[in-house]
Amino acid sequence: MIAIPLYTFLGLYLLLLGIFTLFFIINIAHLVQTSSLTFVSFVVTFIFFASVTLLIYATMNLLEGTQWQYEVIIFNKEWFVGLFIPRQLM
């Protein structure tokens, strides 16, 4: 049986969240560096940041009671037991 602990997916999520944060910081630095500080760029950046904040808050609420020690079964050889044995039709 091949199983992956659930906290592995949390680690992957946090890694992707860190990469996303890095790109967000680079984006803000690029806006400041190129002097693209217009009202439209501010509104779009604010809406983007607000939606990301809302998604992270929703994720925290949904994952609040999760038991991280559970395992997700990827493959189990017992799924295939009896698969190639002919069955009798009644």
Protein backbone atom coordinates (compact mmCIF):
# COMPACT_ATOMS: atom_id res chain seq x y z
CA MET A 1 0.00 0.00 0.00
CA ILE A 2 1.33 3.41 -0.96
CA ALA A 3 0.08 6.23 1.24
CA ILE A 4 1.06 9.87 1.65
CA PRO A 5 0.51 11.74 4.94
CA LEU A 6 -1.92 14.64 4.68
CA TYR A 7 0.61 17.13 6.03
CA THR A 8 2.61 16.64 2.82
CA PHE A 9 -0.14 18.47 0.94
CA LEU A 10 -0.03 21.26 3.54
CA GLY A 11 3.70 21.62 2.93
CA LEU A 12 3.14 21.82 -0.83
CA TYR A 13 0.42 24.42 -0.29
CA LEU A 14 2.73 26.52 1.89
CA LEU A 15 5.51 26.23 -0.69
CA LEU A 16 3.20 27.46 -3.46
CA LEU A 17 1.93 30.23 -1.18
CA GLY A 18 5.54 31.34 -0.60
CA ILE A 19 6.24 31.37 -4.35
CA PHE A 20 3.04 33.34 -4.91
CA THR A 21 4.08 35.87 -2.25
CA LEU A 22 7.47 36.26 -3.91
CA PHE A 23 5.84 37.03 -7.26
CA PHE A 24 3.45 39.47 -5.59
CA ILE A 25 6.36 41.35 -4.02
CA ILE A 26 8.18 41.42 -7.37
CA ASN A 27 5.01 42.79 -9.00
CA ILE A 28 4.66 45.60 -6.44
CA ALA A 29 8.38 46.43 -6.75
CA HIS A 30 8.00 46.57 -10.53
CA LEU A 31 5.05 48.96 -10.21
CA VAL A 32 7.07 51.26 -7.97
CA GLN A 33 10.25 51.01 -10.03
CA THR A 34 8.58 51.89 -13.33
CA SER A 35 6.46 54.63 -11.73
CA SER A 36 3.24 52.98 -12.83
CA LEU A 37 1.44 54.28 -9.79
CA THR A 38 -1.87 55.22 -11.33
CA PHE A 39 -5.31 54.93 -9.84
CA VAL A 40 -6.13 51.97 -12.08
CA SER A 41 -3.01 50.05 -11.06
CA PHE A 42 -3.83 50.75 -7.41
CA VAL A 43 -7.43 49.53 -7.76
CA VAL A 44 -6.43 46.36 -9.63
CA THR A 45 -3.67 45.59 -7.12
CA PHE A 46 -6.01 46.23 -4.20
CA ILE A 47 -8.75 43.98 -5.63
CA PHE A 48 -6.17 41.26 -6.30
CA PHE A 49 -4.70 41.53 -2.79
CA ALA A 50 -8.17 41.58 -1.19
CA SER A 51 -9.28 38.47 -3.09
CA VAL A 52 -6.09 36.63 -2.14
CA THR A 53 -6.57 37.61 1.49
CA LEU A 54 -10.15 36.34 1.36
CA LEU A 55 -9.02 33.03 -0.15
CA ILE A 56 -6.36 32.53 2.52
CA TYR A 57 -8.90 33.31 5.25
CA ALA A 58 -11.37 30.82 3.75
CA THR A 59 -8.63 28.20 3.51
CA MET A 60 -7.72 28.69 7.18
CA ASN A 61 -11.36 28.28 8.20
CA LEU A 62 -11.86 25.15 6.09
CA LEU A 63 -8.66 23.49 7.33
CA GLU A 64 -9.23 24.34 10.98
CA GLY A 65 -10.27 20.88 12.22
CA THR A 66 -8.13 18.79 9.91
CA GLN A 67 -6.24 15.82 11.34
CA TRP A 68 -2.89 16.15 9.58
CA GLN A 69 -1.68 12.67 10.57
CA TYR A 70 -4.20 10.89 8.32
CA GLU A 71 -2.85 9.21 5.22
CA VAL A 72 -4.15 9.48 1.67
CA ILE A 73 -4.01 6.08 0.00
CA ILE A 74 -2.55 6.41 -3.48
CA PHE A 75 -2.35 2.73 -4.40
CA ASN A 76 -3.55 -0.44 -2.71
CA LYS A 77 -2.93 -3.85 -4.25
CA GLU A 78 -6.17 -5.17 -2.74
CA TRP A 79 -8.11 -3.02 -5.19
CA PHE A 80 -7.06 -5.43 -7.93
CA VAL A 81 -7.62 -8.71 -6.09
CA GLY A 82 -10.22 -10.69 -7.99
CA LEU A 83 -10.19 -8.33 -10.94
CA PHE A 84 -9.02 -10.99 -13.39
CA ILE A 85 -11.01 -13.87 -11.93
CA PRO A 86 -14.07 -14.62 -14.06
CA ARG A 87 -17.33 -14.23 -12.21
CA GLN A 88 -20.30 -16.45 -12.67
CA LEU A 89 -23.42 -14.78 -13.90
CA MET A 90 -26.64 -15.80 -12.25
